[in-house]
Amino acid sequence: QVQLVESGGGSVQAGGLLRLSCAISGAPVGTFYRLGWFRQAPGKEREGVAALRSVGSKMYADFMKGRVIISEDKAKNTLDLQMNGLLPEDTAMYYCAAAYGGGYFSLRAGDYPYWGQGTQVTVSS
């Protein structure tokens, strides 16, 4: 049974940085076709932040380009998200997600069947 558990969230001031980590159990991180980070702020829809595909390609949302790096650690079996230059509008619950098989490489939440419970990121001005 695949389980995803996020950690690393917290409260920072604008311009600060955080490193989120998603511990994966039930399968090696390299067996997933695509892995991603998403976020959801109160009253807003869940949106994709960054995604990584098994062949190594990466995808970033326009609003995060240049400020985040997604990576996987096969030794630790984690999916990580380094976030720099955080802004108050980045305040949200952040989720990691995973999917097997082929299909599109996307930042669409519906393309990911496995989800963690989320970790809160709060950025103050």
PDB file of N, CA and C in Angstrom:
ATOM      1  N   GLN A   1       0.845  -1.182   0.000  1.00  0.00           N
ATOM      2  CA  GLN A   1       0.000   0.000   0.000  1.00  0.00           C
ATOM      3  C   GLN A   1       0.888   1.242   0.000  1.00  0.00           C
ATOM      4  N   VAL A   2       0.651   2.108  -0.974  1.00  0.00           N
ATOM      5  CA  VAL A   2       1.445   3.323  -1.100  1.00  0.00           C
ATOM      6  C   VAL A   2       0.972   4.359  -0.083  1.00  0.00           C
ATOM      7  N   GLN A   3       1.934   4.932   0.635  1.00  0.00           N
ATOM      8  CA  GLN A   3       1.625   6.019   1.568  1.00  0.00           C
ATOM      9  C   GLN A   3       2.620   7.152   1.359  1.00  0.00           C
ATOM     10  N   LEU A   4       2.114   8.370   1.425  1.00  0.00           N
ATOM     11  CA  LEU A   4       2.924   9.570   1.264  1.00  0.00           C
ATOM     12  C   LEU A   4       2.743  10.436   2.508  1.00  0.00           C
ATOM     13  N   VAL A   5       3.854  10.871   3.101  1.00  0.00           N
ATOM     14  CA  VAL A   5       3.785  11.693   4.304  1.00  0.00           C
ATOM     15  C   VAL A   5       4.696  12.904   4.130  1.00  0.00           C
ATOM     16  N   GLU A   6       4.081  14.094   4.126  1.00  0.00           N
ATOM     17  CA  GLU A   6       4.837  15.326   3.942  1.00  0.00           C
ATOM     18  C   GLU A   6       5.373  15.862   5.279  1.00  0.00           C
ATOM     19  N   SER A   7       6.470  16.589   5.187  1.00  0.00           N
ATOM     20  CA  SER A   7       7.035  17.277   6.345  1.00  0.00           C
ATOM     21  C   SER A   7       7.819  18.486   5.856  1.00  0.00           C
ATOM     22  N   GLY A   8       8.199  19.342   6.798  1.00  0.00           N
ATOM     23  CA  GLY A   8       9.034  20.483   6.454  1.00  0.00           C
ATOM     24  C   GLY A   8       8.325  21.812   6.365  1.00  0.00           C
ATOM     25  N   GLY A   9       7.008  21.801   6.474  1.00  0.00           N
ATOM     26  CA  GLY A   9       6.283  23.068   6.429  1.00  0.00           C
ATOM     27  C   GLY A   9       6.549  23.890   7.678  1.00  0.00           C
ATOM     28  N   GLY A  10       6.089  25.133   7.671  1.00  0.00           N
ATOM     29  CA  GLY A  10       6.269  26.000   8.818  1.00  0.00           C
ATOM     30  C   GLY A  10       5.927  27.427   8.474  1.00  0.00           C
ATOM     31  N   SER A  11       6.296  28.334   9.382  1.00  0.00           N
ATOM     32  CA  SER A  11       6.038  29.755   9.206  1.00  0.00           C
ATOM     33  C   SER A  11       7.348  30.481   8.965  1.00  0.00           C
ATOM     34  N   VAL A  12       7.387  31.260   7.896  1.00  0.00           N
ATOM     35  CA  VAL A  12       8.579  32.022   7.554  1.00  0.00           C
ATOM     36  C   VAL A  12       8.160  33.429   7.130  1.00  0.00           C
ATOM     37  N   GLN A  13       9.118  34.340   7.125  1.00  0.00           N
ATOM     38  CA  GLN A  13       8.860  35.674   6.619  1.00  0.00           C
ATOM     39  C   GLN A  13       9.099  35.721   5.118  1.00  0.00           C
ATOM     40  N   ALA A  14       8.511  36.699   4.479  1.00  0.00           N
ATOM     41  CA  ALA A  14       8.682  36.867   3.038  1.00  0.00           C
ATOM     42  C   ALA A  14      10.169  36.924   2.695  1.00  0.00           C
ATOM     43  N   GLY A  15      10.512  36.224   1.626  1.00  0.00           N
ATOM     44  CA  GLY A  15      11.911  36.131   1.230  1.00  0.00           C
ATOM     45  C   GLY A  15      12.624  34.928   1.810  1.00  0.00           C
ATOM     46  N   GLY A  16      11.966  34.235   2.736  1.00  0.00           N
ATOM     47  CA  GLY A  16      12.577  33.080   3.376  1.00  0.00           C
ATOM     48  C   GLY A  16      12.534  31.837   2.516  1.00  0.00           C
ATOM     49  N   LEU A  17      13.024  30.755   3.077  1.00  0.00           N
ATOM     50  CA  LEU A  17      13.076  29.500   2.334  1.00  0.00           C
ATOM     51  C   LEU A  17      12.596  28.351   3.214  1.00  0.00           C
ATOM     52  N   LEU A  18      12.119  27.311   2.554  1.00  0.00           N
ATOM     53  CA  LEU A  18      11.713  26.072   3.212  1.00  0.00           C
ATOM     54  C   LEU A  18      12.044  24.905   2.298  1.00  0.00           C
ATOM     55  N   ARG A  19      12.300  23.779   2.909  1.00  0.00           N
ATOM     56  CA  ARG A  19      12.503  22.548   2.148  1.00  0.00           C
ATOM     57  C   ARG A  19      11.468  21.535   2.607  1.00  0.00           C
ATOM     58  N   LEU A  20      10.571  21.184   1.707  1.00  0.00           N
ATOM     59  CA  LEU A  20       9.540  20.192   1.999  1.00  0.00           C
ATOM     60  C   LEU A  20      10.037  18.817   1.573  1.00  0.00           C
ATOM     61  N   SER A  21       9.630  17.810   2.328  1.00  0.00           N
ATOM     62  CA  SER A  21      10.005  16.448   2.002  1.00  0.00           C
ATOM     63  C   SER A  21       8.779  15.555   2.073  1.00  0.00           C
ATOM     64  N   CYS A  22       8.710  14.599   1.180  1.00  0.00           N
ATOM     65  CA  CYS A  22       7.599  13.652   1.138  1.00  0.00           C
ATOM     66  C   CYS A  22       8.182  12.253   1.268  1.00  0.00           C
ATOM     67  N   ALA A  23       7.942  11.615   2.396  1.00  0.00           N
ATOM     68  CA  ALA A  23       8.421  10.255   2.611  1.00  0.00           C
ATOM     69  C   ALA A  23       7.450   9.278   1.973  1.00  0.00           C
ATOM     70  N   ILE A  24       7.972   8.403   1.117  1.00  0.00           N
ATOM     71  CA  ILE A  24       7.140   7.460   0.378  1.00  0.00           C
ATOM     72  C   ILE A  24       7.379   6.061   0.918  1.00  0.00           C
ATOM     73  N   SER A  25       6.315   5.345   1.218  1.00  0.00           N
ATOM     74  CA  SER A  25       6.422   3.953   1.640  1.00  0.00           C
ATOM     75  C   SER A  25       5.505   3.105   0.763  1.00  0.00           C
ATOM     76  N   GLY A  26       5.851   1.838   0.643  1.00  0.00           N
ATOM     77  CA  GLY A  26       5.046   0.920  -0.147  1.00  0.00           C
ATOM     78  C   GLY A  26       5.570   0.703  -1.547  1.00  0.00           C
ATOM     79  N   ALA A  27       6.500   1.542  -1.992  1.00  0.00           N
ATOM     80  CA  ALA A  27       7.084   1.399  -3.327  1.00  0.00           C
ATOM     81  C   ALA A  27       8.314   2.301  -3.439  1.00  0.00           C
ATOM     82  N   PRO A  28       9.303   1.879  -4.200  1.00  0.00           N
ATOM     83  CA  PRO A  28      10.468   2.749  -4.426  1.00  0.00           C
ATOM     84  C   PRO A  28      10.067   3.986  -5.220  1.00  0.00           C
ATOM     85  N   VAL A  29      10.658   5.121  -4.879  1.00  0.00           N
ATOM     86  CA  VAL A  29      10.287   6.371  -5.527  1.00  0.00           C
ATOM     87  C   VAL A  29      10.503   6.290  -7.031  1.00  0.00           C
ATOM     88  N   GLY A  30      11.473   5.499  -7.474  1.00  0.00           N
ATOM     89  CA  GLY A  30      11.773   5.418  -8.892  1.00  0.00           C
ATOM     90  C   GLY A  30      10.767   4.632  -9.707  1.00  0.00           C
ATOM     91  N   THR A  31       9.819   3.958  -9.063  1.00  0.00           N
ATOM     92  CA  THR A  31       8.837   3.175  -9.795  1.00  0.00           C
ATOM     93  C   THR A  31       7.639   3.999 -10.259  1.00  0.00           C
ATOM     94  N   PHE A  32       7.507   5.221  -9.743  1.00  0.00           N
ATOM     95  CA  PHE A  32       6.384   6.067 -10.138  1.00  0.00           C
ATOM     96  C   PHE A  32       6.695   6.773 -11.450  1.00  0.00           C
ATOM     97  N   TYR A  33       5.701   6.860 -12.312  1.00  0.00           N
ATOM     98  CA  TYR A  33       5.896   7.539 -13.597  1.00  0.00           C
ATOM     99  C   TYR A  33       6.026   9.041 -13.410  1.00  0.00           C
ATOM    100  N   ARG A  34       5.227   9.594 -12.503  1.00  0.00           N
ATOM    101  CA  ARG A  34       5.303  11.020 -12.229  1.00  0.00           C
ATOM    102  C   ARG A  34       5.008  11.281 -10.751  1.00  0.00           C
ATOM    103  N   LEU A  35       5.692  12.273 -10.249  1.00  0.00           N
ATOM    104  CA  LEU A  35       5.563  12.706  -8.861  1.00  0.00           C
ATOM    105  C   LEU A  35       5.404  14.212  -8.872  1.00  0.00           C
ATOM    106  N   GLY A  36       4.608  14.720  -7.942  1.00  0.00           N
ATOM    107  CA  GLY A  36       4.391  16.157  -7.982  1.00  0.00           C
ATOM    108  C   GLY A  36       4.116  16.764  -6.625  1.00  0.00           C
ATOM    109  N   TRP A  37       4.242  18.079  -6.577  1.00  0.00           N
ATOM    110  CA  TRP A  37       3.868  18.882  -5.420  1.00  0.00           C
ATOM    111  C   TRP A  37       2.734  19.813  -5.839  1.00  0.00           C
ATOM    112  N   PHE A  38       1.738  19.904  -4.989  1.00  0.00           N
ATOM    113  CA  PHE A  38       0.580  20.753  -5.231  1.00  0.00           C
ATOM    114  C   PHE A  38       0.338  21.602  -3.994  1.00  0.00           C
ATOM    115  N   ARG A  39      -0.492  22.609  -4.133  1.00  0.00           N
ATOM    116  CA  ARG A  39      -0.841  23.422  -2.977  1.00  0.00           C
ATOM    117  C   ARG A  39      -2.292  23.853  -3.072  1.00  0.00           C
ATOM    118  N   GLN A  40      -2.861  24.150  -1.929  1.00  0.00           N
ATOM    119  CA  GLN A  40      -4.243  24.631  -1.884  1.00  0.00           C
ATOM    120  C   GLN A  40      -4.382  25.641  -0.767  1.00  0.00           C
ATOM    121  N   ALA A  41      -4.764  26.841  -1.133  1.00  0.00           N
ATOM    122  CA  ALA A  41      -5.025  27.893  -0.164  1.00  0.00           C
ATOM    123  C   ALA A  41      -6.513  27.892   0.173  1.00  0.00           C
ATOM    124  N   PRO A  42      -6.892  28.412   1.337  1.00  0.00           N
ATOM    125  CA  PRO A  42      -8.310  28.441   1.712  1.00  0.00           C
ATOM    126  C   PRO A  42      -9.162  29.139   0.657  1.00  0.00           C
ATOM    127  N   GLY A  43     -10.236  28.484   0.252  1.00  0.00           N
ATOM    128  CA  GLY A  43     -11.149  29.059  -0.724  1.00  0.00           C
ATOM    129  C   GLY A  43     -10.690  28.969  -2.157  1.00  0.00           C
ATOM    130  N   LYS A  44      -9.558  28.332  -2.405  1.00  0.00           N
ATOM    131  CA  LYS A  44      -9.030  28.218  -3.762  1.00  0.00           C
ATOM    132  C   LYS A  44      -8.910  26.761  -4.170  1.00  0.00           C
ATOM    133  N   GLU A  45      -8.809  26.539  -5.464  1.00  0.00           N
ATOM    134  CA  GLU A  45      -8.642  25.178  -5.962  1.00  0.00           C
ATOM    135  C   GLU A  45      -7.188  24.712  -5.770  1.00  0.00           C
ATOM    136  N   ARG A  46      -7.036  23.402  -5.729  1.00  0.00           N
ATOM    137  CA  ARG A  46      -5.694  22.842  -5.644  1.00  0.00           C
ATOM    138  C   ARG A  46      -4.963  23.098  -6.961  1.00  0.00           C
ATOM    139  N   GLU A  47      -3.707  23.526  -6.874  1.00  0.00           N
ATOM    140  CA  GLU A  47      -2.945  23.828  -8.073  1.00  0.00           C
ATOM    141  C   GLU A  47      -1.571  23.168  -8.027  1.00  0.00           C
ATOM    142  N   GLY A  48      -1.078  22.824  -9.206  1.00  0.00           N
ATOM    143  CA  GLY A  48       0.221  22.189  -9.290  1.00  0.00           C
ATOM    144  C   GLY A  48       1.346  23.181  -9.112  1.00  0.00           C
ATOM    145  N   VAL A  49       2.389  22.763  -8.412  1.00  0.00           N
ATOM    146  CA  VAL A  49       3.568  23.589  -8.166  1.00  0.00           C
ATOM    147  C   VAL A  49       4.744  23.100  -9.006  1.00  0.00           C
ATOM    148  N   ALA A  50       5.012  21.802  -8.937  1.00  0.00           N
ATOM    149  CA  ALA A  50       6.144  21.226  -9.655  1.00  0.00           C
ATOM    150  C   ALA A  50       5.917  19.737  -9.808  1.00  0.00           C
ATOM    151  N   ALA A  51       6.488  19.166 -10.879  1.00  0.00           N
ATOM    152  CA  ALA A  51       6.351  17.735 -11.115  1.00  0.00           C
ATOM    153  C   ALA A  51       7.652  17.192 -11.670  1.00  0.00           C
ATOM    154  N   LEU A  52       7.836  15.892 -11.433  1.00  0.00           N
ATOM    155  CA  LEU A  52       9.053  15.215 -11.865  1.00  0.00           C
ATOM    156  C   LEU A  52       8.638  13.900 -12.511  1.00  0.00           C
ATOM    157  N   ARG A  53       9.232  13.579 -13.634  1.00  0.00           N
ATOM    158  CA  ARG A  53       8.893  12.341 -14.327  1.00  0.00           C
ATOM    159  C   ARG A  53      10.035  11.340 -14.182  1.00  0.00           C
ATOM    160  N   SER A  54       9.717  10.063 -14.267  1.00  0.00           N
ATOM    161  CA  SER A  54      10.702   9.009 -14.019  1.00  0.00           C
ATOM    162  C   SER A  54      11.895   9.092 -14.957  1.00  0.00           C
ATOM    163  N   VAL A  55      11.693   9.637 -16.162  1.00  0.00           N
ATOM    164  CA  VAL A  55      12.805   9.743 -17.116  1.00  0.00           C
ATOM    165  C   VAL A  55      13.683  10.949 -16.802  1.00  0.00           C
ATOM    166  N   GLY A  56      13.306  11.714 -15.790  1.00  0.00           N
ATOM    167  CA  GLY A  56      14.162  12.799 -15.342  1.00  0.00           C
ATOM    168  C   GLY A  56      13.688  14.200 -15.656  1.00  0.00           C
ATOM    169  N   SER A  57      12.706  14.348 -16.503  1.00  0.00           N
ATOM    170  CA  SER A  57      12.253  15.693 -16.848  1.00  0.00           C
ATOM    171  C   SER A  57      11.452  16.305 -15.702  1.00  0.00           C
ATOM    172  N   LYS A  58      11.449  17.621 -15.664  1.00  0.00           N
ATOM    173  CA  LYS A  58      10.768  18.346 -14.600  1.00  0.00           C
ATOM    174  C   LYS A  58       9.875  19.425 -15.194  1.00  0.00           C
ATOM    175  N   MET A  59       8.871  19.801 -14.427  1.00  0.00           N
ATOM    176  CA  MET A  59       7.918  20.809 -14.861  1.00  0.00           C
ATOM    177  C   MET A  59       7.605  21.701 -13.670  1.00  0.00           C
ATOM    178  N   TYR A  60       7.532  23.018 -13.924  1.00  0.00           N
ATOM    179  CA  TYR A  60       7.236  23.968 -12.858  1.00  0.00           C
ATOM    180  C   TYR A  60       6.102  24.889 -13.267  1.00  0.00           C
ATOM    181  N   ALA A  61       5.272  25.224 -12.299  1.00  0.00           N
ATOM    182  CA  ALA A  61       4.229  26.215 -12.551  1.00  0.00           C
ATOM    183  C   ALA A  61       4.886  27.571 -12.789  1.00  0.00           C
ATOM    184  N   ASP A  62       4.296  28.373 -13.660  1.00  0.00           N
ATOM    185  CA  ASP A  62       4.878  29.675 -13.977  1.00  0.00           C
ATOM    186  C   ASP A  62       5.085  30.533 -12.738  1.00  0.00           C
ATOM    187  N   PHE A  63       4.148  30.454 -11.810  1.00  0.00           N
ATOM    188  CA  PHE A  63       4.249  31.321 -10.628  1.00  0.00           C
ATOM    189  C   PHE A  63       5.376  30.894  -9.677  1.00  0.00           C
ATOM    190  N   MET A  64       5.982  29.711  -9.924  1.00  0.00           N
ATOM    191  CA  MET A  64       7.053  29.221  -9.061  1.00  0.00           C
ATOM    192  C   MET A  64       8.405  29.134  -9.769  1.00  0.00           C
ATOM    193  N   LYS A  65       8.429  29.342 -11.063  1.00  0.00           N
ATOM    194  CA  LYS A  65       9.686  29.180 -11.799  1.00  0.00           C
ATOM    195  C   LYS A  65      10.772  30.084 -11.245  1.00  0.00           C
ATOM    196  N   GLY A  66      11.951  29.496 -11.061  1.00  0.00           N
ATOM    197  CA  GLY A  66      13.082  30.248 -10.531  1.00  0.00           C
ATOM    198  C   GLY A  66      13.121  30.304  -9.020  1.00  0.00           C
ATOM    199  N   ARG A  67      12.078  29.820  -8.370  1.00  0.00           N
ATOM    200  CA  ARG A  67      12.024  29.881  -6.909  1.00  0.00           C
ATOM    201  C   ARG A  67      11.968  28.512  -6.255  1.00  0.00           C
ATOM    202  N   VAL A  68      11.741  27.456  -7.040  1.00  0.00           N
ATOM    203  CA  VAL A  68      11.640  26.117  -6.473  1.00  0.00           C
ATOM    204  C   VAL A  68      12.434  25.115  -7.293  1.00  0.00           C
ATOM    205  N   ILE A  69      12.842  24.042  -6.617  1.00  0.00           N
ATOM    206  CA  ILE A  69      13.508  22.924  -7.273  1.00  0.00           C
ATOM    207  C   ILE A  69      12.908  21.646  -6.719  1.00  0.00           C
ATOM    208  N   ILE A  70      12.423  20.789  -7.626  1.00  0.00           N
ATOM    209  CA  ILE A  70      11.886  19.496  -7.226  1.00  0.00           C
ATOM    210  C   ILE A  70      12.950  18.438  -7.463  1.00  0.00           C
ATOM    211  N   SER A  71      13.037  17.476  -6.549  1.00  0.00           N
ATOM    212  CA  SER A  71      14.044  16.424  -6.693  1.00  0.00           C
ATOM    213  C   SER A  71      13.582  15.182  -5.956  1.00  0.00           C
ATOM    214  N   GLU A  72      14.185  14.059  -6.312  1.00  0.00           N
ATOM    215  CA  GLU A  72      13.899  12.823  -5.613  1.00  0.00           C
ATOM    216  C   GLU A  72      15.199  12.289  -5.013  1.00  0.00           C
ATOM    217  N   ASP A  73      15.085  11.647  -3.858  1.00  0.00           N
ATOM    218  CA  ASP A  73      16.224  11.030  -3.201  1.00  0.00           C
ATOM    219  C   ASP A  73      15.940   9.536  -3.121  1.00  0.00           C
ATOM    220  N   LYS A  74      16.571   8.770  -3.991  1.00  0.00           N
ATOM    221  CA  LYS A  74      16.284   7.335  -4.058  1.00  0.00           C
ATOM    222  C   LYS A  74      16.807   6.603  -2.827  1.00  0.00           C
ATOM    223  N   ALA A  75      17.853   7.099  -2.232  1.00  0.00           N
ATOM    224  CA  ALA A  75      18.399   6.456  -1.037  1.00  0.00           C
ATOM    225  C   ALA A  75      17.441   6.601   0.145  1.00  0.00           C
ATOM    226  N   LYS A  76      16.825   7.784   0.269  1.00  0.00           N
ATOM    227  CA  LYS A  76      15.882   8.037   1.357  1.00  0.00           C
ATOM    228  C   LYS A  76      14.445   7.719   0.962  1.00  0.00           C
ATOM    229  N   ASN A  77      14.210   7.491  -0.329  1.00  0.00           N
ATOM    230  CA  ASN A  77      12.857   7.266  -0.849  1.00  0.00           C
ATOM    231  C   ASN A  77      11.936   8.454  -0.565  1.00  0.00           C
ATOM    232  N   THR A  78      12.415   9.626  -0.918  1.00  0.00           N
ATOM    233  CA  THR A  78      11.632  10.840  -0.701  1.00  0.00           C
ATOM    234  C   THR A  78      11.543  11.671  -1.969  1.00  0.00           C
ATOM    235  N   LEU A  79      10.517  12.520  -2.002  1.00  0.00           N
ATOM    236  CA  LEU A  79      10.358  13.552  -3.010  1.00  0.00           C
ATOM    237  C   LEU A  79      10.484  14.880  -2.280  1.00  0.00           C
ATOM    238  N   ASP A  80      11.376  15.747  -2.731  1.00  0.00           N
ATOM    239  CA  ASP A  80      11.661  16.971  -2.013  1.00  0.00           C
ATOM    240  C   ASP A  80      11.321  18.202  -2.856  1.00  0.00           C
ATOM    241  N   LEU A  81      11.070  19.303  -2.157  1.00  0.00           N
ATOM    242  CA  LEU A  81      10.788  20.565  -2.831  1.00  0.00           C
ATOM    243  C   LEU A  81      11.519  21.674  -2.083  1.00  0.00           C
ATOM    244  N   GLN A  82      12.523  22.232  -2.709  1.00  0.00           N
ATOM    245  CA  GLN A  82      13.254  23.356  -2.147  1.00  0.00           C
ATOM    246  C   GLN A  82      12.580  24.632  -2.626  1.00  0.00           C
ATOM    247  N   MET A  83      12.137  25.465  -1.693  1.00  0.00           N
ATOM    248  CA  MET A  83      11.444  26.697  -2.044  1.00  0.00           C
ATOM    249  C   MET A  83      12.222  27.891  -1.507  1.00  0.00           C
ATOM    250  N   ASN A  84      12.519  28.833  -2.376  1.00  0.00           N
ATOM    251  CA  ASN A  84      13.269  30.031  -2.013  1.00  0.00           C
ATOM    252  C   ASN A  84      12.439  31.268  -2.350  1.00  0.00           C
ATOM    253  N   GLY A  85      12.813  32.388  -1.754  1.00  0.00           N
ATOM    254  CA  GLY A  85      12.129  33.624  -2.071  1.00  0.00           C
ATOM    255  C   GLY A  85      10.631  33.548  -1.867  1.00  0.00           C
ATOM    256  N   LEU A  86      10.214  32.962  -0.752  1.00  0.00           N
ATOM    257  CA  LEU A  86       8.784  32.757  -0.527  1.00  0.00           C
ATOM    258  C   LEU A  86       8.044  34.083  -0.370  1.00  0.00           C
ATOM    259  N   LEU A  87       6.805  34.098  -0.860  1.00  0.00           N
ATOM    260  CA  LEU A  87       5.951  35.278  -0.835  1.00  0.00           C
ATOM    261  C   LEU A  87       4.705  34.986  -0.004  1.00  0.00           C
ATOM    262  N   PRO A  88       4.047  36.001   0.536  1.00  0.00           N
ATOM    263  CA  PRO A  88       2.818  35.757   1.294  1.00  0.00           C
ATOM    264  C   PRO A  88       1.777  34.970   0.500  1.00  0.00           C
ATOM    265  N   GLU A  89       1.717  35.178  -0.801  1.00  0.00           N
ATOM    266  CA  GLU A  89       0.754  34.445  -1.611  1.00  0.00           C
ATOM    267  C   GLU A  89       1.101  32.977  -1.790  1.00  0.00           C
ATOM    268  N   ASP A  90       2.254  32.557  -1.312  1.00  0.00           N
ATOM    269  CA  ASP A  90       2.614  31.140  -1.319  1.00  0.00           C
ATOM    270  C   ASP A  90       2.020  30.398  -0.118  1.00  0.00           C
ATOM    271  N   THR A  91       1.373  31.117   0.774  1.00  0.00           N
ATOM    272  CA  THR A  91       0.753  30.500   1.939  1.00  0.00           C
ATOM    273  C   THR A  91      -0.331  29.525   1.498  1.00  0.00           C
ATOM    274  N   ALA A  92      -0.195  28.269   1.922  1.00  0.00           N
ATOM    275  CA  ALA A  92      -1.130  27.218   1.506  1.00  0.00           C
ATOM    276  C   ALA A  92      -0.753  25.912   2.196  1.00  0.00           C
ATOM    277  N   MET A  93      -1.635  24.941   2.042  1.00  0.00           N
ATOM    278  CA  MET A  93      -1.290  23.566   2.410  1.00  0.00           C
ATOM    279  C   MET A  93      -0.622  22.948   1.189  1.00  0.00           C
ATOM    280  N   TYR A  94       0.522  22.335   1.400  1.00  0.00           N
ATOM    281  CA  TYR A  94       1.271  21.731   0.308  1.00  0.00           C
ATOM    282  C   TYR A  94       1.171  20.209   0.398  1.00  0.00           C
ATOM    283  N   TYR A  95       0.890  19.601  -0.755  1.00  0.00           N
ATOM    284  CA  TYR A  95       0.690  18.160  -0.840  1.00  0.00           C
ATOM    285  C   TYR A  95       1.661  17.546  -1.846  1.00  0.00           C
ATOM    286  N   CYS A  96       2.122  16.333  -1.561  1.00  0.00           N
ATOM    287  CA  CYS A  96       2.841  15.578  -2.583  1.00  0.00           C
ATOM    288  C   CYS A  96       1.890  14.530  -3.153  1.00  0.00           C
ATOM    289  N   ALA A  97       2.159  14.131  -4.378  1.00  0.00           N
ATOM    290  CA  ALA A  97       1.296  13.195  -5.078  1.00  0.00           C
ATOM    291  C   ALA A  97       2.123  12.336  -6.012  1.00  0.00           C
ATOM    292  N   ALA A  98       1.581  11.146  -6.342  1.00  0.00           N
ATOM    293  CA  ALA A  98       2.320  10.209  -7.182  1.00  0.00           C
ATOM    294  C   ALA A  98       1.373   9.452  -8.101  1.00  0.00           C
ATOM    295  N   ALA A  99       1.933   8.957  -9.206  1.00  0.00           N
ATOM    296  CA  ALA A  99       1.142   8.187 -10.158  1.00  0.00           C
ATOM    297  C   ALA A  99       2.020   7.155 -10.839  1.00  0.00           C
ATOM    298  N   TYR A 100       1.475   5.980 -11.054  1.00  0.00           N
ATOM    299  CA  TYR A 100       2.136   4.940 -11.836  1.00  0.00           C
ATOM    300  C   TYR A 100       1.761   5.104 -13.307  1.00  0.00           C
ATOM    301  N   GLY A 101       2.395   4.283 -14.134  1.00  0.00           N
ATOM    302  CA  GLY A 101       1.971   4.146 -15.516  1.00  0.00           C
ATOM    303  C   GLY A 101       2.336   5.320 -16.381  1.00  0.00           C
ATOM    304  N   GLY A 102       1.841   5.331 -17.576  1.00  0.00           N
ATOM    305  CA  GLY A 102       2.155   6.383 -18.533  1.00  0.00           C
ATOM    306  C   GLY A 102       1.166   7.510 -18.486  1.00  0.00           C
ATOM    307  N   GLY A 103       0.815   7.983 -19.634  1.00  0.00           N
ATOM    308  CA  GLY A 103      -0.109   9.104 -19.690  1.00  0.00           C
ATOM    309  C   GLY A 103       0.639  10.412 -19.783  1.00  0.00           C
ATOM    310  N   TYR A 104      -0.093  11.469 -19.572  1.00  0.00           N
ATOM    311  CA  TYR A 104       0.481  12.796 -19.706  1.00  0.00           C
ATOM    312  C   TYR A 104       1.358  13.152 -18.511  1.00  0.00           C
ATOM    313  N   PHE A 105       2.389  13.921 -18.774  1.00  0.00           N
ATOM    314  CA  PHE A 105       3.205  14.507 -17.730  1.00  0.00           C
ATOM    315  C   PHE A 105       2.580  15.867 -17.472  1.00  0.00           C
ATOM    316  N   SER A 106       1.961  16.010 -16.311  1.00  0.00           N
ATOM    317  CA  SER A 106       1.167  17.210 -16.111  1.00  0.00           C
ATOM    318  C   SER A 106       1.225  17.702 -14.675  1.00  0.00           C
ATOM    319  N   LEU A 107       0.640  18.876 -14.472  1.00  0.00           N
ATOM    320  CA  LEU A 107       0.429  19.434 -13.146  1.00  0.00           C
ATOM    321  C   LEU A 107      -1.058  19.441 -12.810  1.00  0.00           C
ATOM    322  N   ARG A 108      -1.786  18.533 -13.409  1.00  0.00           N
ATOM    323  CA  ARG A 108      -3.218  18.411 -13.121  1.00  0.00           C
ATOM    324  C   ARG A 108      -3.420  17.445 -11.968  1.00  0.00           C
ATOM    325  N   ALA A 109      -4.098  17.887 -10.953  1.00  0.00           N
ATOM    326  CA  ALA A 109      -4.296  17.059  -9.759  1.00  0.00           C
ATOM    327  C   ALA A 109      -5.001  15.749 -10.091  1.00  0.00           C
ATOM    328  N   GLY A 110      -5.902  15.772 -11.051  1.00  0.00           N
ATOM    329  CA  GLY A 110      -6.650  14.580 -11.401  1.00  0.00           C
ATOM    330  C   GLY A 110      -5.817  13.463 -12.002  1.00  0.00           C
ATOM    331  N   ASP A 111      -4.588  13.765 -12.403  1.00  0.00           N
ATOM    332  CA  ASP A 111      -3.708  12.758 -12.994  1.00  0.00           C
ATOM    333  C   ASP A 111      -2.894  12.021 -11.947  1.00  0.00           C
ATOM    334  N   TYR A 112      -3.125  12.340 -10.668  1.00  0.00           N
ATOM    335  CA  TYR A 112      -2.341  11.733  -9.586  1.00  0.00           C
ATOM    336  C   TYR A 112      -3.293  11.028  -8.615  1.00  0.00           C
ATOM    337  N   PRO A 113      -3.255   9.717  -8.521  1.00  0.00           N
ATOM    338  CA  PRO A 113      -4.168   9.010  -7.620  1.00  0.00           C
ATOM    339  C   PRO A 113      -3.704   8.901  -6.173  1.00  0.00           C
ATOM    340  N   TYR A 114      -2.412   9.046  -5.924  1.00  0.00           N
ATOM    341  CA  TYR A 114      -1.894   8.877  -4.567  1.00  0.00           C
ATOM    342  C   TYR A 114      -1.523  10.238  -3.986  1.00  0.00           C
ATOM    343  N   TRP A 115      -1.985  10.485  -2.738  1.00  0.00           N
ATOM    344  CA  TRP A 115      -1.800  11.793  -2.113  1.00  0.00           C
ATOM    345  C   TRP A 115      -1.407  11.664  -0.655  1.00  0.00           C
ATOM    346  N   GLY A 116      -0.603  12.633  -0.196  1.00  0.00           N
ATOM    347  CA  GLY A 116      -0.323  12.737   1.221  1.00  0.00           C
ATOM    348  C   GLY A 116      -1.369  13.603   1.904  1.00  0.00           C
ATOM    349  N   GLN A 117      -1.189  13.824   3.205  1.00  0.00           N
ATOM    350  CA  GLN A 117      -2.143  14.606   4.003  1.00  0.00           C
ATOM    351  C   GLN A 117      -1.829  16.094   4.001  1.00  0.00           C
ATOM    352  N   GLY A 118      -0.645  16.464   3.569  1.00  0.00           N
ATOM    353  CA  GLY A 118      -0.307  17.876   3.451  1.00  0.00           C
ATOM    354  C   GLY A 118       0.534  18.409   4.603  1.00  0.00           C
ATOM    355  N   THR A 119       1.256  19.491   4.317  1.00  0.00           N
ATOM    356  CA  THR A 119       2.029  20.211   5.326  1.00  0.00           C
ATOM    357  C   THR A 119       1.795  21.709   5.085  1.00  0.00           C
ATOM    358  N   GLN A 120       1.538  22.449   6.157  1.00  0.00           N
ATOM    359  CA  GLN A 120       1.164  23.849   6.036  1.00  0.00           C
ATOM    360  C   GLN A 120       2.388  24.744   5.877  1.00  0.00           C
ATOM    361  N   VAL A 121       2.306  25.654   4.914  1.00  0.00           N
ATOM    362  CA  VAL A 121       3.329  26.677   4.718  1.00  0.00           C
ATOM    363  C   VAL A 121       2.661  28.033   4.895  1.00  0.00           C
ATOM    364  N   THR A 122       3.202  28.840   5.796  1.00  0.00           N
ATOM    365  CA  THR A 122       2.663  30.172   6.052  1.00  0.00           C
ATOM    366  C   THR A 122       3.782  31.193   5.895  1.00  0.00           C
ATOM    367  N   VAL A 123       3.547  32.174   5.022  1.00  0.00           N
ATOM    368  CA  VAL A 123       4.549  33.201   4.752  1.00  0.00           C
ATOM    369  C   VAL A 123       3.974  34.545   5.166  1.00  0.00           C
ATOM    370  N   SER A 124       4.654  35.220   6.074  1.00  0.00           N
ATOM    371  CA  SER A 124       4.181  36.518   6.553  1.00  0.00           C
ATOM    372  C   SER A 124       4.967  37.645   5.886  1.00  0.00           C
ATOM    373  N   SER A 125       4.296  38.776   5.751  1.00  0.00           N
ATOM    374  CA  SER A 125       4.937  39.920   5.080  1.00  0.00           C
ATOM    375  C   SER A 125       5.722  40.773   6.065  1.00  0.00           C
TER     376      SER A 125
END
